[in-house]
Amino acid sequence: MAIYFGALHARDIPIDLLFYNTKGIRIIVKAKYTDHTPPIFKKYNILKLPDIRNIQLGKLMHSITVATLPQPMFTIFTTNDYVHSYATRQKNYSHLPLTKYDYIMRSFVNRGPKL
């Protein structure tokens, strides 16, 4: 679930899921149905779904950095020093794959290194 949810972009989260997220928080705090939810989320220190996605993706990238994931996950992400034969200032950063397809640009492979 974490990798699948991390693969989603903010605009790809189903509208129903976002709707029920905001509707649920209004029911819990007994707010009116016309109240804005960002102040409610802030007041009760509740994360929104895109924020949860970013945290899960950040955890995944950190696990890759400290090498606590299985070996097949390391083949998905490469660093710049494996790609370039010359020294760069960003040789330890994750390499962003070049792609022309939008669905790959929104996947966790491309979104993870950008965090």
N, C-alpha and C. Protein backbone atom coordinates (compact mmCIF):
# COMPACT_ATOMS: atom_id res chain seq x y z
N MET A 1 0.83 -1.20 0.00
CA MET A 1 0.00 0.00 0.00
C MET A 1 0.87 1.25 0.00
N ALA A 2 1.96 1.25 0.75
CA ALA A 2 2.78 2.46 0.85
C ALA A 2 3.42 2.80 -0.49
N ILE A 3 3.93 1.81 -1.20
CA ILE A 3 4.56 2.10 -2.48
C ILE A 3 3.51 2.49 -3.50
N TYR A 4 2.37 1.82 -3.49
CA TYR A 4 1.30 2.18 -4.42
C TYR A 4 0.81 3.59 -4.16
N PHE A 5 0.61 3.91 -2.89
CA PHE A 5 0.13 5.25 -2.56
C PHE A 5 1.21 6.28 -2.83
N GLY A 6 2.46 5.90 -2.65
CA GLY A 6 3.56 6.80 -2.97
C GLY A 6 3.70 7.03 -4.46
N ALA A 7 3.15 6.11 -5.25
CA ALA A 7 3.26 6.27 -6.70
C ALA A 7 2.27 7.29 -7.22
N LEU A 8 1.31 7.64 -6.43
CA LEU A 8 0.29 8.57 -6.91
C LEU A 8 0.75 10.01 -6.80
N HIS A 9 0.35 10.78 -7.75
CA HIS A 9 0.58 12.22 -7.73
C HIS A 9 -0.64 12.85 -7.08
N ALA A 10 -0.52 14.07 -6.59
CA ALA A 10 -1.62 14.72 -5.89
C ALA A 10 -2.88 14.78 -6.75
N ARG A 11 -2.71 15.03 -8.03
CA ARG A 11 -3.90 15.12 -8.88
C ARG A 11 -4.44 13.75 -9.25
N ASP A 12 -3.71 12.68 -8.97
CA ASP A 12 -4.16 11.33 -9.29
C ASP A 12 -4.90 10.66 -8.15
N ILE A 13 -4.93 11.28 -6.99
CA ILE A 13 -5.69 10.71 -5.88
C ILE A 13 -7.17 10.83 -6.24
N PRO A 14 -7.90 9.75 -6.18
CA PRO A 14 -9.30 9.81 -6.59
C PRO A 14 -10.07 10.90 -5.83
N ILE A 15 -10.92 11.59 -6.57
CA ILE A 15 -11.69 12.69 -5.99
C ILE A 15 -12.55 12.18 -4.84
N ASP A 16 -13.10 10.97 -4.98
CA ASP A 16 -13.94 10.42 -3.91
C ASP A 16 -13.14 10.26 -2.62
N LEU A 17 -11.90 9.83 -2.75
CA LEU A 17 -11.06 9.64 -1.57
C LEU A 17 -10.78 10.98 -0.87
N LEU A 18 -10.49 12.00 -1.65
CA LEU A 18 -10.28 13.33 -1.07
C LEU A 18 -11.56 13.87 -0.46
N PHE A 19 -12.68 13.62 -1.14
CA PHE A 19 -13.98 14.09 -0.65
C PHE A 19 -14.31 13.44 0.70
N TYR A 20 -14.14 12.11 0.78
CA TYR A 20 -14.46 11.43 2.04
C TYR A 20 -13.46 11.78 3.14
N ASN A 21 -12.25 12.13 2.77
CA ASN A 21 -11.26 12.57 3.75
C ASN A 21 -11.72 13.87 4.41
N THR A 22 -12.14 14.84 3.59
CA THR A 22 -12.59 16.12 4.14
C THR A 22 -13.94 15.98 4.83
N LYS A 23 -14.81 15.15 4.26
CA LYS A 23 -16.13 14.95 4.88
C LYS A 23 -15.97 14.27 6.24
N GLY A 24 -15.08 13.30 6.31
CA GLY A 24 -14.85 12.59 7.57
C GLY A 24 -14.31 13.51 8.65
N ILE A 25 -13.39 14.39 8.30
CA ILE A 25 -12.81 15.29 9.30
C ILE A 25 -13.87 16.27 9.79
N ARG A 26 -14.78 16.69 8.91
CA ARG A 26 -15.86 17.58 9.34
C ARG A 26 -16.81 16.88 10.30
N ILE A 27 -17.08 15.60 10.04
CA ILE A 27 -17.96 14.84 10.93
C ILE A 27 -17.31 14.64 12.29
N ILE A 28 -16.03 14.34 12.30
CA ILE A 28 -15.33 14.07 13.56
C ILE A 28 -15.32 15.31 14.46
N VAL A 29 -15.06 16.48 13.88
CA VAL A 29 -14.96 17.69 14.70
C VAL A 29 -16.29 18.44 14.80
N LYS A 30 -17.35 17.84 14.21
CA LYS A 30 -18.70 18.42 14.23
C LYS A 30 -18.73 19.83 13.65
N ALA A 31 -18.09 19.98 12.50
CA ALA A 31 -18.07 21.26 11.80
C ALA A 31 -19.20 21.28 10.77
N LYS A 32 -19.54 22.47 10.31
CA LYS A 32 -20.56 22.60 9.28
C LYS A 32 -20.02 22.06 7.96
N TYR A 33 -20.94 21.67 7.10
CA TYR A 33 -20.50 21.09 5.84
C TYR A 33 -19.90 22.12 4.89
N THR A 34 -20.05 23.40 5.20
CA THR A 34 -19.46 24.45 4.37
C THR A 34 -18.14 24.99 4.92
N ASP A 35 -17.72 24.49 6.08
CA ASP A 35 -16.46 24.96 6.67
C ASP A 35 -15.27 24.50 5.83
N HIS A 36 -14.27 25.35 5.75
CA HIS A 36 -13.04 24.98 5.05
C HIS A 36 -12.24 24.01 5.90
N THR A 37 -11.66 23.01 5.26
CA THR A 37 -10.96 21.99 6.01
C THR A 37 -9.48 22.27 6.29
N PRO A 38 -8.75 23.08 5.50
CA PRO A 38 -7.34 23.29 5.85
C PRO A 38 -7.12 23.83 7.26
N PRO A 39 -7.92 24.77 7.77
CA PRO A 39 -7.71 25.18 9.16
C PRO A 39 -8.01 24.07 10.17
N ILE A 40 -8.96 23.21 9.82
CA ILE A 40 -9.29 22.09 10.72
C ILE A 40 -8.14 21.09 10.76
N PHE A 41 -7.60 20.76 9.60
CA PHE A 41 -6.45 19.85 9.57
C PHE A 41 -5.28 20.43 10.36
N LYS A 42 -5.04 21.72 10.22
CA LYS A 42 -3.94 22.37 10.92
C LYS A 42 -4.17 22.39 12.43
N LYS A 43 -5.41 22.69 12.84
CA LYS A 43 -5.72 22.80 14.27
C LYS A 43 -5.53 21.46 14.99
N TYR A 44 -5.93 20.38 14.37
CA TYR A 44 -5.86 19.06 15.00
C TYR A 44 -4.63 18.26 14.59
N ASN A 45 -3.71 18.89 13.87
CA ASN A 45 -2.45 18.25 13.44
C ASN A 45 -2.70 16.94 12.70
N ILE A 46 -3.61 16.99 11.74
CA ILE A 46 -3.92 15.83 10.91
C ILE A 46 -3.34 16.08 9.52
N LEU A 47 -2.69 15.07 8.98
CA LEU A 47 -2.10 15.20 7.66
C LEU A 47 -3.13 14.93 6.58
N LYS A 48 -3.00 15.67 5.47
CA LYS A 48 -3.84 15.42 4.30
C LYS A 48 -3.24 14.25 3.51
N LEU A 49 -4.03 13.70 2.60
CA LEU A 49 -3.56 12.54 1.85
C LEU A 49 -2.31 12.81 1.01
N PRO A 50 -2.19 13.95 0.31
CA PRO A 50 -0.92 14.18 -0.40
C PRO A 50 0.28 14.30 0.54
N ASP A 51 0.06 14.81 1.75
CA ASP A 51 1.16 14.90 2.71
C ASP A 51 1.58 13.51 3.18
N ILE A 52 0.61 12.64 3.39
CA ILE A 52 0.91 11.26 3.79
C ILE A 52 1.69 10.57 2.68
N ARG A 53 1.28 10.82 1.42
CA ARG A 53 1.99 10.25 0.29
C ARG A 53 3.45 10.71 0.26
N ASN A 54 3.68 11.99 0.50
CA ASN A 54 5.05 12.51 0.48
C ASN A 54 5.89 11.93 1.61
N ILE A 55 5.29 11.71 2.77
CA ILE A 55 6.03 11.11 3.89
C ILE A 55 6.40 9.67 3.56
N GLN A 56 5.45 8.90 3.00
CA GLN A 56 5.75 7.51 2.64
C GLN A 56 6.84 7.44 1.58
N LEU A 57 6.78 8.34 0.63
CA LEU A 57 7.80 8.36 -0.41
C LEU A 57 9.15 8.79 0.14
N GLY A 58 9.16 9.71 1.09
CA GLY A 58 10.39 10.11 1.74
C GLY A 58 11.01 8.98 2.55
N LYS A 59 10.16 8.19 3.21
CA LYS A 59 10.65 7.03 3.96
C LYS A 59 11.26 6.00 3.02
N LEU A 60 10.63 5.81 1.86
CA LEU A 60 11.18 4.88 0.89
C LEU A 60 12.54 5.33 0.40
N MET A 61 12.67 6.60 0.08
CA MET A 61 13.94 7.12 -0.40
C MET A 61 15.02 7.06 0.69
N HIS A 62 14.63 7.30 1.92
CA HIS A 62 15.60 7.20 3.02
C HIS A 62 16.06 5.75 3.20
N SER A 63 15.13 4.79 3.08
CA SER A 63 15.52 3.38 3.21
C SER A 63 16.48 2.97 2.10
N ILE A 64 16.32 3.55 0.93
CA ILE A 64 17.25 3.24 -0.15
C ILE A 64 18.60 3.86 0.14
N THR A 65 18.60 5.07 0.70
CA THR A 65 19.87 5.75 1.00
C THR A 65 20.68 5.01 2.05
N VAL A 66 20.01 4.50 3.09
CA VAL A 66 20.73 3.80 4.16
C VAL A 66 20.81 2.29 3.92
N ALA A 67 20.35 1.84 2.75
CA ALA A 67 20.48 0.44 2.32
C ALA A 67 19.78 -0.53 3.25
N THR A 68 18.53 -0.28 3.55
CA THR A 68 17.76 -1.21 4.38
C THR A 68 16.67 -1.93 3.59
N LEU A 69 16.65 -1.76 2.29
CA LEU A 69 15.65 -2.42 1.45
C LEU A 69 16.26 -3.63 0.77
N PRO A 70 15.43 -4.53 0.25
CA PRO A 70 15.96 -5.68 -0.49
C PRO A 70 16.70 -5.24 -1.76
N GLN A 71 17.54 -6.10 -2.26
CA GLN A 71 18.39 -5.79 -3.40
C GLN A 71 17.61 -5.39 -4.66
N PRO A 72 16.47 -6.00 -4.99
CA PRO A 72 15.77 -5.58 -6.22
C PRO A 72 15.34 -4.12 -6.22
N MET A 73 15.12 -3.54 -5.07
CA MET A 73 14.74 -2.13 -5.02
C MET A 73 15.91 -1.22 -5.38
N PHE A 74 17.13 -1.68 -5.16
CA PHE A 74 18.29 -0.86 -5.50
C PHE A 74 18.50 -0.76 -7.00
N THR A 75 17.99 -1.73 -7.76
CA THR A 75 18.14 -1.65 -9.21
C THR A 75 17.20 -0.62 -9.81
N ILE A 76 16.14 -0.26 -9.10
CA ILE A 76 15.20 0.74 -9.61
C ILE A 76 15.82 2.13 -9.54
N PHE A 77 16.49 2.43 -8.44
CA PHE A 77 17.08 3.75 -8.23
C PHE A 77 18.59 3.67 -8.38
N THR A 78 19.15 4.58 -9.16
CA THR A 78 20.60 4.65 -9.31
C THR A 78 21.06 6.06 -8.95
N THR A 79 22.32 6.17 -8.59
CA THR A 79 22.87 7.49 -8.30
C THR A 79 23.60 8.01 -9.53
N ASN A 80 23.90 9.28 -9.51
CA ASN A 80 24.52 9.92 -10.67
C ASN A 80 25.92 9.39 -10.96
N ASP A 81 26.64 8.90 -9.95
CA ASP A 81 27.99 8.41 -10.21
C ASP A 81 28.00 7.11 -11.03
N TYR A 82 26.89 6.37 -11.07
CA TYR A 82 26.80 5.19 -11.93
C TYR A 82 26.46 5.57 -13.37
N VAL A 83 25.90 6.75 -13.55
CA VAL A 83 25.47 7.18 -14.88
C VAL A 83 26.59 7.92 -15.60
N HIS A 84 27.29 8.81 -14.88
CA HIS A 84 28.33 9.64 -15.49
C HIS A 84 29.72 9.08 -15.16
N SER A 85 30.61 9.16 -16.12
CA SER A 85 31.97 8.70 -15.87
C SER A 85 32.86 9.81 -15.33
N TYR A 86 32.34 11.03 -15.30
CA TYR A 86 33.11 12.16 -14.80
C TYR A 86 32.55 12.62 -13.45
N ALA A 87 33.36 13.35 -12.71
CA ALA A 87 32.96 13.79 -11.37
C ALA A 87 32.01 14.98 -11.47
N THR A 88 30.94 14.91 -10.72
CA THR A 88 30.00 16.01 -10.63
C THR A 88 29.79 16.35 -9.16
N ARG A 89 29.25 17.52 -8.91
CA ARG A 89 28.99 17.91 -7.51
C ARG A 89 27.81 17.15 -6.93
N GLN A 90 26.99 16.58 -7.78
CA GLN A 90 25.80 15.88 -7.32
C GLN A 90 25.90 14.39 -7.60
N LYS A 91 27.10 13.86 -7.46
CA LYS A 91 27.30 12.45 -7.81
C LYS A 91 26.58 11.49 -6.86
N ASN A 92 26.29 11.90 -5.63
CA ASN A 92 25.62 11.01 -4.69
C ASN A 92 24.10 11.16 -4.71
N TYR A 93 23.58 12.04 -5.52
CA TYR A 93 22.13 12.23 -5.62
C TYR A 93 21.53 11.12 -6.48
N SER A 94 20.27 10.86 -6.28
CA SER A 94 19.57 9.88 -7.10
C SER A 94 19.41 10.41 -8.51
N HIS A 95 19.57 9.53 -9.46
CA HIS A 95 19.47 9.92 -10.86
C HIS A 95 18.01 9.89 -11.30
N LEU A 96 17.57 10.95 -11.96
CA LEU A 96 16.22 11.00 -12.50
C LEU A 96 16.23 10.40 -13.90
N PRO A 97 15.41 9.38 -14.12
CA PRO A 97 15.38 8.79 -15.46
C PRO A 97 14.72 9.73 -16.46
N LEU A 98 15.24 9.76 -17.67
CA LEU A 98 14.63 10.55 -18.72
C LEU A 98 13.48 9.77 -19.33
N THR A 99 12.33 10.42 -19.42
CA THR A 99 11.16 9.76 -19.97
C THR A 99 10.28 10.77 -20.67
N LYS A 100 9.53 10.30 -21.61
CA LYS A 100 8.60 11.18 -22.30
C LYS A 100 7.15 10.86 -21.97
N TYR A 101 6.92 9.84 -21.16
CA TYR A 101 5.57 9.43 -20.82
C TYR A 101 5.15 10.04 -19.49
N ASP A 102 3.94 10.56 -19.46
CA ASP A 102 3.44 11.25 -18.29
C ASP A 102 3.23 10.31 -17.10
N TYR A 103 2.77 9.08 -17.35
CA TYR A 103 2.52 8.16 -16.25
C TYR A 103 3.81 7.75 -15.56
N ILE A 104 4.91 7.71 -16.29
CA ILE A 104 6.19 7.39 -15.64
C ILE A 104 6.70 8.60 -14.86
N MET A 105 6.45 9.80 -15.36
CA MET A 105 6.86 11.00 -14.64
C MET A 105 6.12 11.13 -13.31
N ARG A 106 4.93 10.56 -13.20
CA ARG A 106 4.17 10.63 -11.96
C ARG A 106 4.40 9.42 -11.06
N SER A 107 5.21 8.46 -11.49
CA SER A 107 5.44 7.27 -10.68
C SER A 107 6.44 7.55 -9.56
N PHE A 108 6.52 6.64 -8.63
CA PHE A 108 7.42 6.83 -7.49
C PHE A 108 8.88 6.80 -7.90
N VAL A 109 9.18 6.21 -9.04
CA VAL A 109 10.56 6.17 -9.52
C VAL A 109 11.06 7.56 -9.86
N ASN A 110 10.18 8.37 -10.40
CA ASN A 110 10.55 9.73 -10.77
C ASN A 110 10.24 10.74 -9.67
N ARG A 111 9.19 10.53 -8.90
CA ARG A 111 8.79 11.47 -7.86
C ARG A 111 9.69 11.36 -6.62
N GLY A 112 10.21 10.18 -6.35
CA GLY A 112 11.02 9.98 -5.15
C GLY A 112 12.28 10.81 -5.12
N PRO A 113 13.10 10.77 -6.16
CA PRO A 113 14.32 11.58 -6.13
C PRO A 113 14.05 13.08 -6.12
N LYS A 114 12.89 13.51 -6.59
CA LYS A 114 12.58 14.94 -6.61
C LYS A 114 12.26 15.48 -5.21
N LEU A 115 11.89 14.58 -4.30
CA LEU A 115 11.61 15.04 -2.94
C LEU A 115 12.89 15.47 -2.29
